[in-house]
Amino acid sequence: MEKNITAPLIGSEIKELKSGDYVYITGTIYTARDAAHKRMYEALEKGEKLPIDLENNVIYYMGPSPAREGRPIGSAGPTTASRMDKYAPKMLDLGLKGMIGKGKRSEEVKSAIVRNNAVYFAAVGGAGALLSKSIKKSEVIAYDDLGTEAVRKLEVENFPAIVVIDSKGNNLYEMVLQSC
């Protein structure tokens, strides 16, 4: 089923999403990859404030290429989500409601998704140039020294993704394997 959703996410909207749904996300999302997650995690351990408010927000695991003339961002494909699994449960417990990446997630992340009424989306790997067309604005808001791994605030319009793990813990990847 196809659904249009708005980010930041609303709890009631999240509950309606089912594993396998195609979604088009419009609104504000943030980017962060390995280095940014590590830095945020370390900040939390020191009792420091994070550069973004996680409450109801979505983090896209993406490191863009440089923007071409006239565009806000270059190719913007997803990175492997499991690289953030060490940090994701803590981020979810702090209010993060959505993650976009590619690939499988750990049982710990799946449990945190269910516990926090959150969702994991997949974006199509290898389609970074196409995905970048849904990004209307990009602004580095933290950790500029990390280059492509800096935290960015993105304004997106009809960003395509697929619900992989829904708020009840249904996992599209597991469902597909069971049907084979």
C-alpha atoms as a PDB file:
ATOM      1  CA  MET A   1       0.000   0.000   0.000  1.00  0.00           C
ATOM      2  CA  GLU A   2       1.223   3.535  -0.773  1.00  0.00           C
ATOM      3  CA  LYS A   3       1.034   6.220   1.907  1.00  0.00           C
ATOM      4  CA  ASN A   4       2.054   9.850   2.182  1.00  0.00           C
ATOM      5  CA  ILE A   5       3.518  10.777   5.553  1.00  0.00           C
ATOM      6  CA  THR A   6       4.941  13.904   7.124  1.00  0.00           C
ATOM      7  CA  ALA A   7       8.147  14.231   9.124  1.00  0.00           C
ATOM      8  CA  PRO A   8       8.482  14.778  12.036  1.00  0.00           C
ATOM      9  CA  LEU A   9       6.344  11.683  12.573  1.00  0.00           C
ATOM     10  CA  ILE A  10       3.130  11.442  14.572  1.00  0.00           C
ATOM     11  CA  GLY A  11       2.541   8.418  16.816  1.00  0.00           C
ATOM     12  CA  SER A  12      -0.878   7.602  15.355  1.00  0.00           C
ATOM     13  CA  GLU A  13       0.549   7.767  11.824  1.00  0.00           C
ATOM     14  CA  ILE A  14       3.381   5.409  12.775  1.00  0.00           C
ATOM     15  CA  LYS A  15       0.931   2.823  14.144  1.00  0.00           C
ATOM     16  CA  GLU A  16      -0.857   2.742  10.776  1.00  0.00           C
ATOM     17  CA  LEU A  17       2.327   1.903   8.865  1.00  0.00           C
ATOM     18  CA  LYS A  18       2.743  -1.761   8.015  1.00  0.00           C
ATOM     19  CA  SER A  19       5.825  -3.667   6.981  1.00  0.00           C
ATOM     20  CA  GLY A  20       5.924  -3.600   3.175  1.00  0.00           C
ATOM     21  CA  ASP A  21       4.110  -0.264   2.770  1.00  0.00           C
ATOM     22  CA  TYR A  22       5.546   2.164   0.239  1.00  0.00           C
ATOM     23  CA  VAL A  23       5.748   5.645   1.729  1.00  0.00           C
ATOM     24  CA  TYR A  24       6.488   9.108   0.441  1.00  0.00           C
ATOM     25  CA  ILE A  25       7.941  11.318   3.164  1.00  0.00           C
ATOM     26  CA  THR A  26       7.527  15.090   3.096  1.00  0.00           C
ATOM     27  CA  GLY A  27       8.944  17.444   5.713  1.00  0.00           C
ATOM     28  CA  THR A  28      12.122  17.684   7.763  1.00  0.00           C
ATOM     29  CA  ILE A  29      14.526  14.784   8.278  1.00  0.00           C
ATOM     30  CA  TYR A  30      18.138  14.665   9.456  1.00  0.00           C
ATOM     31  CA  THR A  31      21.204  12.813   8.224  1.00  0.00           C
ATOM     32  CA  ALA A  32      23.789  11.097  10.385  1.00  0.00           C
ATOM     33  CA  ARG A  33      26.150   8.221   9.752  1.00  0.00           C
ATOM     34  CA  ASP A  34      28.735   6.298  11.767  1.00  0.00           C
ATOM     35  CA  ALA A  35      30.989   9.151  12.868  1.00  0.00           C
ATOM     36  CA  ALA A  36      28.101  11.464  13.776  1.00  0.00           C
ATOM     37  CA  HIS A  37      26.334   8.694  15.709  1.00  0.00           C
ATOM     38  CA  LYS A  38      29.529   7.952  17.623  1.00  0.00           C
ATOM     39  CA  ARG A  39      29.960  11.622  18.485  1.00  0.00           C
ATOM     40  CA  MET A  40      26.327  11.976  19.586  1.00  0.00           C
ATOM     41  CA  TYR A  41      26.584   8.823  21.695  1.00  0.00           C
ATOM     42  CA  GLU A  42      29.741  10.128  23.380  1.00  0.00           C
ATOM     43  CA  ALA A  43      28.028  13.476  24.028  1.00  0.00           C
ATOM     44  CA  LEU A  44      25.150  11.678  25.744  1.00  0.00           C
ATOM     45  CA  GLU A  45      27.584   9.708  27.920  1.00  0.00           C
ATOM     46  CA  LYS A  46      29.112  13.035  29.037  1.00  0.00           C
ATOM     47  CA  GLY A  47      25.655  14.496  29.752  1.00  0.00           C
ATOM     48  CA  GLU A  48      25.934  16.963  26.872  1.00  0.00           C
ATOM     49  CA  LYS A  49      23.059  18.114  24.704  1.00  0.00           C
ATOM     50  CA  LEU A  50      22.657  16.633  21.219  1.00  0.00           C
ATOM     51  CA  PRO A  51      22.825  18.917  18.163  1.00  0.00           C
ATOM     52  CA  ILE A  52      19.300  17.830  17.165  1.00  0.00           C
ATOM     53  CA  ASP A  53      16.154  17.127  19.116  1.00  0.00           C
ATOM     54  CA  LEU A  54      15.398  13.465  18.442  1.00  0.00           C
ATOM     55  CA  GLU A  55      11.763  13.667  19.554  1.00  0.00           C
ATOM     56  CA  ASN A  56       9.521  12.375  16.704  1.00  0.00           C
ATOM     57  CA  ASN A  57      12.278  12.918  14.152  1.00  0.00           C
ATOM     58  CA  VAL A  58      13.727  10.753  11.384  1.00  0.00           C
ATOM     59  CA  ILE A  59      17.416  10.122  10.760  1.00  0.00           C
ATOM     60  CA  TYR A  60      18.531   9.135   7.272  1.00  0.00           C
ATOM     61  CA  TYR A  61      21.771   7.146   7.218  1.00  0.00           C
ATOM     62  CA  MET A  62      23.306   8.947   4.271  1.00  0.00           C
ATOM     63  CA  GLY A  63      26.506  10.693   3.276  1.00  0.00           C
ATOM     64  CA  PRO A  64      25.931  12.807   0.155  1.00  0.00           C
ATOM     65  CA  SER A  65      28.234  13.588  -2.684  1.00  0.00           C
ATOM     66  CA  PRO A  66      28.908  17.282  -3.434  1.00  0.00           C
ATOM     67  CA  ALA A  67      25.987  19.221  -4.874  1.00  0.00           C
ATOM     68  CA  ARG A  68      25.906  19.957  -8.583  1.00  0.00           C
ATOM     69  CA  GLU A  69      25.252  23.530  -9.643  1.00  0.00           C
ATOM     70  CA  GLY A  70      21.689  24.557  -8.890  1.00  0.00           C
ATOM     71  CA  ARG A  71      20.984  21.580  -6.603  1.00  0.00           C
ATOM     72  CA  PRO A  72      20.927  21.508  -2.782  1.00  0.00           C
ATOM     73  CA  ILE A  73      22.741  18.170  -2.592  1.00  0.00           C
ATOM     74  CA  GLY A  74      24.527  15.592  -4.715  1.00  0.00           C
ATOM     75  CA  SER A  75      23.783  11.898  -4.884  1.00  0.00           C
ATOM     76  CA  ALA A  76      22.036  10.934  -1.640  1.00  0.00           C
ATOM     77  CA  GLY A  77      21.804   7.160  -1.364  1.00  0.00           C
ATOM     78  CA  PRO A  78      21.401   5.208   1.880  1.00  0.00           C
ATOM     79  CA  THR A  79      24.210   3.545   3.767  1.00  0.00           C
ATOM     80  CA  THR A  80      24.118   0.204   5.575  1.00  0.00           C
ATOM     81  CA  ALA A  81      21.946   0.668   8.654  1.00  0.00           C
ATOM     82  CA  SER A  82      23.527  -2.084  10.752  1.00  0.00           C
ATOM     83  CA  ARG A  83      26.575   0.149  11.224  1.00  0.00           C
ATOM     84  CA  MET A  84      24.390   2.328  13.486  1.00  0.00           C
ATOM     85  CA  ASP A  85      22.883  -0.592  15.453  1.00  0.00           C
ATOM     86  CA  LYS A  86      25.200   0.025  18.404  1.00  0.00           C
ATOM     87  CA  TYR A  87      23.720   3.527  18.827  1.00  0.00           C
ATOM     88  CA  ALA A  88      20.135   3.178  17.560  1.00  0.00           C
ATOM     89  CA  PRO A  89      18.427   1.744  20.690  1.00  0.00           C
ATOM     90  CA  LYS A  90      19.610   4.715  22.790  1.00  0.00           C
ATOM     91  CA  MET A  91      18.497   7.180  20.110  1.00  0.00           C
ATOM     92  CA  LEU A  92      15.088   5.496  19.896  1.00  0.00           C
ATOM     93  CA  ASP A  93      14.734   5.602  23.682  1.00  0.00           C
ATOM     94  CA  LEU A  94      15.339   9.374  23.458  1.00  0.00           C
ATOM     95  CA  GLY A  95      12.395   9.857  21.092  1.00  0.00           C
ATOM     96  CA  LEU A  96      13.696   9.107  17.590  1.00  0.00           C
ATOM     97  CA  LYS A  97      10.723   7.729  15.617  1.00  0.00           C
ATOM     98  CA  GLY A  98      12.165   6.830  12.241  1.00  0.00           C
ATOM     99  CA  MET A  99      15.357   5.656  10.606  1.00  0.00           C
ATOM    100  CA  ILE A 100      16.074   5.340   6.884  1.00  0.00           C
ATOM    101  CA  GLY A 101      18.869   3.142   5.595  1.00  0.00           C
ATOM    102  CA  LYS A 102      19.420  -0.123   3.798  1.00  0.00           C
ATOM    103  CA  GLY A 103      19.869  -3.651   5.042  1.00  0.00           C
ATOM    104  CA  LYS A 104      18.984  -5.661   8.115  1.00  0.00           C
ATOM    105  CA  ARG A 105      18.821  -4.461  11.723  1.00  0.00           C
ATOM    106  CA  SER A 106      19.733  -6.283  14.940  1.00  0.00           C
ATOM    107  CA  GLU A 107      17.241  -7.790  17.371  1.00  0.00           C
ATOM    108  CA  GLU A 108      18.172  -5.030  19.847  1.00  0.00           C
ATOM    109  CA  VAL A 109      17.147  -2.376  17.334  1.00  0.00           C
ATOM    110  CA  LYS A 110      13.957  -4.243  16.468  1.00  0.00           C
ATOM    111  CA  SER A 111      13.046  -4.443  20.185  1.00  0.00           C
ATOM    112  CA  ALA A 112      13.746  -0.714  20.604  1.00  0.00           C
ATOM    113  CA  ILE A 113      11.541   0.053  17.576  1.00  0.00           C
ATOM    114  CA  VAL A 114       8.637  -1.826  19.163  1.00  0.00           C
ATOM    115  CA  ARG A 115       9.275  -0.414  22.655  1.00  0.00           C
ATOM    116  CA  ASN A 116       9.256   3.149  21.302  1.00  0.00           C
ATOM    117  CA  ASN A 117       6.513   2.904  18.641  1.00  0.00           C
ATOM    118  CA  ALA A 118       9.018   3.718  15.902  1.00  0.00           C
ATOM    119  CA  VAL A 119       9.713   2.499  12.358  1.00  0.00           C
ATOM    120  CA  TYR A 120      12.633   1.528  10.125  1.00  0.00           C
ATOM    121  CA  PHE A 121      12.428   2.458   6.455  1.00  0.00           C
ATOM    122  CA  ALA A 122      14.626   1.314   3.591  1.00  0.00           C
ATOM    123  CA  ALA A 123      15.608   3.530   0.699  1.00  0.00           C
ATOM    124  CA  VAL A 124      16.778   1.920  -2.506  1.00  0.00           C
ATOM    125  CA  GLY A 125      20.547   1.485  -2.572  1.00  0.00           C
ATOM    126  CA  GLY A 126      22.161   2.531  -5.845  1.00  0.00           C
ATOM    127  CA  ALA A 127      19.439   5.128  -6.495  1.00  0.00           C
ATOM    128  CA  GLY A 128      21.165   8.080  -4.820  1.00  0.00           C
ATOM    129  CA  ALA A 129      20.842  10.408  -7.799  1.00  0.00           C
ATOM    130  CA  LEU A 130      17.117   9.704  -8.034  1.00  0.00           C
ATOM    131  CA  LEU A 131      16.614  10.054  -4.256  1.00  0.00           C
ATOM    132  CA  SER A 132      18.393  13.424  -4.272  1.00  0.00           C
ATOM    133  CA  LYS A 133      15.600  14.841  -6.453  1.00  0.00           C
ATOM    134  CA  SER A 134      13.268  14.597  -3.436  1.00  0.00           C
ATOM    135  CA  ILE A 135      15.627  16.742  -1.341  1.00  0.00           C
ATOM    136  CA  LYS A 136      14.669  20.391  -1.668  1.00  0.00           C
ATOM    137  CA  LYS A 137      17.020  21.910   0.912  1.00  0.00           C
ATOM    138  CA  SER A 138      20.152  20.733   2.746  1.00  0.00           C
ATOM    139  CA  GLU A 139      21.922  22.486   5.596  1.00  0.00           C
ATOM    140  CA  VAL A 140      24.841  21.274   7.736  1.00  0.00           C
ATOM    141  CA  ILE A 141      23.795  21.835  11.352  1.00  0.00           C
ATOM    142  CA  ALA A 142      26.475  19.973  13.328  1.00  0.00           C
ATOM    143  CA  TYR A 143      29.900  18.346  13.108  1.00  0.00           C
ATOM    144  CA  ASP A 144      30.934  20.169   9.941  1.00  0.00           C
ATOM    145  CA  ASP A 145      34.445  18.776  10.459  1.00  0.00           C
ATOM    146  CA  LEU A 146      33.098  15.312   9.561  1.00  0.00           C
ATOM    147  CA  GLY A 147      32.568  16.337   5.927  1.00  0.00           C
ATOM    148  CA  THR A 148      30.030  14.065   4.258  1.00  0.00           C
ATOM    149  CA  GLU A 149      29.250  12.526   7.661  1.00  0.00           C
ATOM    150  CA  ALA A 150      28.203  15.868   9.194  1.00  0.00           C
ATOM    151  CA  VAL A 151      24.671  16.109  10.552  1.00  0.00           C
ATOM    152  CA  ARG A 152      22.411  17.743   7.987  1.00  0.00           C
ATOM    153  CA  LYS A 153      18.877  19.036   8.143  1.00  0.00           C
ATOM    154  CA  LEU A 154      17.012  18.124   4.967  1.00  0.00           C
ATOM    155  CA  GLU A 155      13.712  19.363   3.635  1.00  0.00           C
ATOM    156  CA  VAL A 156      12.243  16.547   1.562  1.00  0.00           C
ATOM    157  CA  GLU A 157       9.227  16.226  -0.679  1.00  0.00           C
ATOM    158  CA  ASN A 158       7.794  12.821  -1.570  1.00  0.00           C
ATOM    159  CA  PHE A 159      10.974  11.009  -0.521  1.00  0.00           C
ATOM    160  CA  PRO A 160      10.363   7.338  -1.435  1.00  0.00           C
ATOM    161  CA  ALA A 161      10.965   4.583   1.106  1.00  0.00           C
ATOM    162  CA  ILE A 162       9.618   1.192   2.148  1.00  0.00           C
ATOM    163  CA  VAL A 163       8.573   0.239   5.675  1.00  0.00           C
ATOM    164  CA  VAL A 164      10.869  -2.633   6.657  1.00  0.00           C
ATOM    165  CA  ILE A 165      10.225  -2.907  10.410  1.00  0.00           C
ATOM    166  CA  ASP A 166       6.913  -1.513  11.618  1.00  0.00           C
ATOM    167  CA  SER A 167       6.007  -0.449  15.157  1.00  0.00           C
ATOM    168  CA  LYS A 168       4.748  -3.953  15.970  1.00  0.00           C
ATOM    169  CA  GLY A 169       8.069  -5.558  14.978  1.00  0.00           C
ATOM    170  CA  ASN A 170       6.938  -7.052  11.676  1.00  0.00           C
ATOM    171  CA  ASN A 171      10.015  -7.278   9.478  1.00  0.00           C
ATOM    172  CA  LEU A 172       9.681  -7.237   5.689  1.00  0.00           C
ATOM    173  CA  TYR A 173      13.019  -8.991   5.171  1.00  0.00           C
ATOM    174  CA  GLU A 174      12.006 -11.874   7.460  1.00  0.00           C
ATOM    175  CA  MET A 175       8.574 -12.108   5.831  1.00  0.00           C
ATOM    176  CA  VAL A 176      10.138 -12.398   2.372  1.00  0.00           C
ATOM    177  CA  LEU A 177      12.553 -15.117   3.539  1.00  0.00           C
ATOM    178  CA  GLN A 178       9.697 -17.090   5.118  1.00  0.00           C
ATOM    179  CA  SER A 179       7.704 -16.976   1.874  1.00  0.00           C
ATOM    180  CA  CYS A 180      10.570 -18.479  -0.155  1.00  0.00           C
END
